[in-house]
Amino acid sequence: MSESVYSKQEVLNKARELGTLISETEEVDFFKRAEAQINRNVRVQELIQKIKNKQKQAVNLQHYEKKEALKQAEEELAALNEEIENIPIVQEFQQSQKDVNELLQLVSTTISNKVTDEIIESTGGDKLKGTTGGSPFLDLKQQ
């Protein structure tokens, strides 16, 4: 049995291919459409601008130790955030962000687990215990 050895560049090229595949998934497509809708939504854009302005104001008030005004600005900021988060397209966008992040995490975990399993198998280790067949210092899975 001949084992292939790949260069870092070959692996990175495959990673780029995988990135292209991921960018063409339903999750990413939905994310892009939701983001476009948010960018076109006048009310959402107005709220985003108000939130940014209120955040700047809060930073300035904090810097100048204006505690009462800061408290009021933080309350107004919380109300603006609640308002924007109750807009259905914003909720859809936030869910699409979570879905894309979950997909990326799943891919990352799958790759990591596969590499670990391949190392264990190639060294004659025990996948159930997560130990390699070599030195105990090489055990990859924490117990």
Protein backbone atom coordinates (compact mmCIF):
# COMPACT_ATOMS: atom_id res chain seq x y z
CA MET A 1 0.00 0.00 0.00
CA SER A 2 1.57 3.29 -1.07
CA GLU A 3 0.82 6.33 1.02
CA SER A 4 0.55 9.72 -0.63
CA VAL A 5 2.22 12.70 0.91
CA TYR A 6 0.68 16.03 0.01
CA SER A 7 2.28 19.44 0.23
CA LYS A 8 0.82 22.25 2.29
CA GLN A 9 0.06 24.05 -0.98
CA GLU A 10 -1.93 21.08 -2.30
CA VAL A 11 -3.96 20.99 0.91
CA LEU A 12 -4.57 24.76 0.73
CA ASN A 13 -5.74 24.38 -2.87
CA LYS A 14 -8.25 21.73 -1.74
CA ALA A 15 -9.32 24.04 1.10
CA ARG A 16 -10.02 26.78 -1.46
CA GLU A 17 -12.09 24.32 -3.49
CA LEU A 18 -14.00 23.41 -0.33
CA GLY A 19 -14.50 27.11 0.38
CA THR A 20 -16.02 27.52 -3.08
CA LEU A 21 -18.35 24.58 -2.47
CA ILE A 22 -19.44 26.02 0.87
CA SER A 23 -20.05 29.44 -0.69
CA GLU A 24 -22.50 27.76 -3.08
CA THR A 25 -24.62 26.05 -0.39
CA GLU A 26 -28.25 26.87 0.35
CA GLU A 27 -27.20 28.34 3.70
CA VAL A 28 -24.81 30.85 2.14
CA ASP A 29 -27.25 31.65 -0.67
CA PHE A 30 -29.98 32.44 1.87
CA PHE A 31 -27.53 34.54 3.90
CA LYS A 32 -26.63 36.63 0.83
CA ARG A 33 -30.29 37.18 -0.07
CA ALA A 34 -31.18 38.14 3.51
CA GLU A 35 -28.25 40.56 3.67
CA ALA A 36 -29.33 42.17 0.39
CA GLN A 37 -32.86 42.62 1.75
CA ILE A 38 -31.51 44.24 4.91
CA ASN A 39 -29.36 46.60 2.84
CA ARG A 40 -32.43 47.63 0.81
CA ASN A 41 -34.73 48.03 3.83
CA VAL A 42 -34.98 51.73 4.67
CA ARG A 43 -36.32 51.20 8.21
CA VAL A 44 -33.54 48.76 9.08
CA GLN A 45 -30.90 51.13 7.71
CA GLU A 46 -32.37 54.02 9.71
CA LEU A 47 -32.28 51.93 12.89
CA ILE A 48 -28.70 50.81 12.20
CA GLN A 49 -27.64 54.44 11.84
CA LYS A 50 -29.48 55.44 15.03
CA ILE A 51 -27.81 52.57 16.89
CA LYS A 52 -24.36 53.60 15.65
CA ASN A 53 -24.97 57.21 16.65
CA LYS A 54 -26.28 56.20 20.08
CA GLN A 55 -23.25 53.92 20.60
CA LYS A 56 -20.90 56.83 19.83
CA GLN A 57 -22.87 59.05 22.17
CA ALA A 58 -22.67 56.42 24.93
CA VAL A 59 -18.89 56.13 24.51
CA ASN A 60 -18.52 59.90 24.80
CA LEU A 61 -20.79 60.05 27.85
CA GLN A 62 -18.82 57.26 29.48
CA HIS A 63 -15.55 59.05 28.71
CA TYR A 64 -16.81 62.24 30.33
CA GLU A 65 -18.33 60.28 33.24
CA LYS A 66 -21.87 61.57 32.62
CA LYS A 67 -23.50 58.70 34.51
CA GLU A 68 -27.18 59.73 34.30
CA ALA A 69 -26.97 60.64 30.62
CA LEU A 70 -25.07 57.43 29.94
CA LYS A 71 -27.78 55.39 31.67
CA GLN A 72 -30.44 57.06 29.52
CA ALA A 73 -28.40 56.52 26.34
CA GLU A 74 -27.94 52.84 27.21
CA GLU A 75 -31.69 52.46 27.76
CA GLU A 76 -32.39 54.11 24.40
CA LEU A 77 -29.80 51.85 22.78
CA ALA A 78 -31.45 48.77 24.30
CA ALA A 79 -34.83 49.90 22.96
CA LEU A 80 -33.38 50.46 19.46
CA ASN A 81 -31.73 47.04 19.52
CA GLU A 82 -34.97 45.41 20.61
CA GLU A 83 -36.86 47.20 17.84
CA ILE A 84 -34.43 46.14 15.13
CA GLU A 85 -34.28 42.55 16.40
CA ASN A 86 -38.08 42.29 16.17
CA ILE A 87 -38.07 42.99 12.42
CA PRO A 88 -38.67 39.66 10.62
CA ILE A 89 -35.97 40.16 7.96
CA VAL A 90 -33.42 40.91 10.68
CA GLN A 91 -34.43 37.72 12.50
CA GLU A 92 -34.07 35.76 9.25
CA PHE A 93 -30.66 37.33 8.64
CA GLN A 94 -29.48 36.50 12.17
CA GLN A 95 -30.70 32.91 11.75
CA SER A 96 -28.90 32.67 8.41
CA GLN A 97 -25.68 33.85 10.10
CA LYS A 98 -26.08 31.10 12.70
CA ASP A 99 -26.75 28.51 9.98
CA VAL A 100 -23.62 29.48 8.03
CA ASN A 101 -21.52 29.48 11.21
CA GLU A 102 -22.88 26.05 12.16
CA LEU A 103 -22.00 24.73 8.70
CA LEU A 104 -18.46 26.10 8.98
CA GLN A 105 -18.09 24.63 12.48
CA LEU A 106 -19.37 21.26 11.25
CA VAL A 107 -16.87 21.25 8.38
CA SER A 108 -14.03 22.26 10.71
CA THR A 109 -14.93 19.59 13.27
CA THR A 110 -15.30 16.95 10.57
CA ILE A 111 -11.86 17.75 9.14
CA SER A 112 -10.27 17.77 12.58
CA ASN A 113 -11.85 14.44 13.54
CA LYS A 114 -10.84 12.86 10.22
CA VAL A 115 -7.22 13.98 10.61
CA THR A 116 -7.13 12.64 14.18
CA ASP A 117 -8.68 9.31 13.12
CA GLU A 118 -6.23 8.97 10.22
CA ILE A 119 -3.27 9.58 12.53
CA ILE A 120 -4.55 7.05 15.05
CA GLU A 121 -5.19 4.44 12.35
CA SER A 122 -1.86 4.99 10.60
CA THR A 123 0.05 4.50 13.85
CA GLY A 124 -1.87 1.39 14.85
CA GLY A 125 -3.66 3.17 17.66
CA ASP A 126 -7.06 2.74 19.22
CA LYS A 127 -9.81 5.08 17.96
CA LEU A 128 -12.11 4.23 20.84
CA LYS A 129 -9.49 5.28 23.38
CA GLY A 130 -8.18 8.07 21.17
CA THR A 131 -4.63 6.81 21.49
CA THR A 132 -1.98 6.41 18.83
CA GLY A 133 0.18 3.33 18.50
CA GLY A 134 3.28 5.33 19.34
CA SER A 135 4.40 7.17 22.42
CA PRO A 136 1.78 8.05 25.08
CA PHE A 137 2.82 11.67 24.53
CA LEU A 138 1.21 11.52 21.08
CA ASP A 139 -2.33 10.79 22.30
CA LEU A 140 -4.53 13.14 20.32
CA LYS A 141 -7.96 12.95 21.88
CA GLN A 142 -8.25 14.24 25.41
CA GLN A 143 -9.79 11.90 27.91
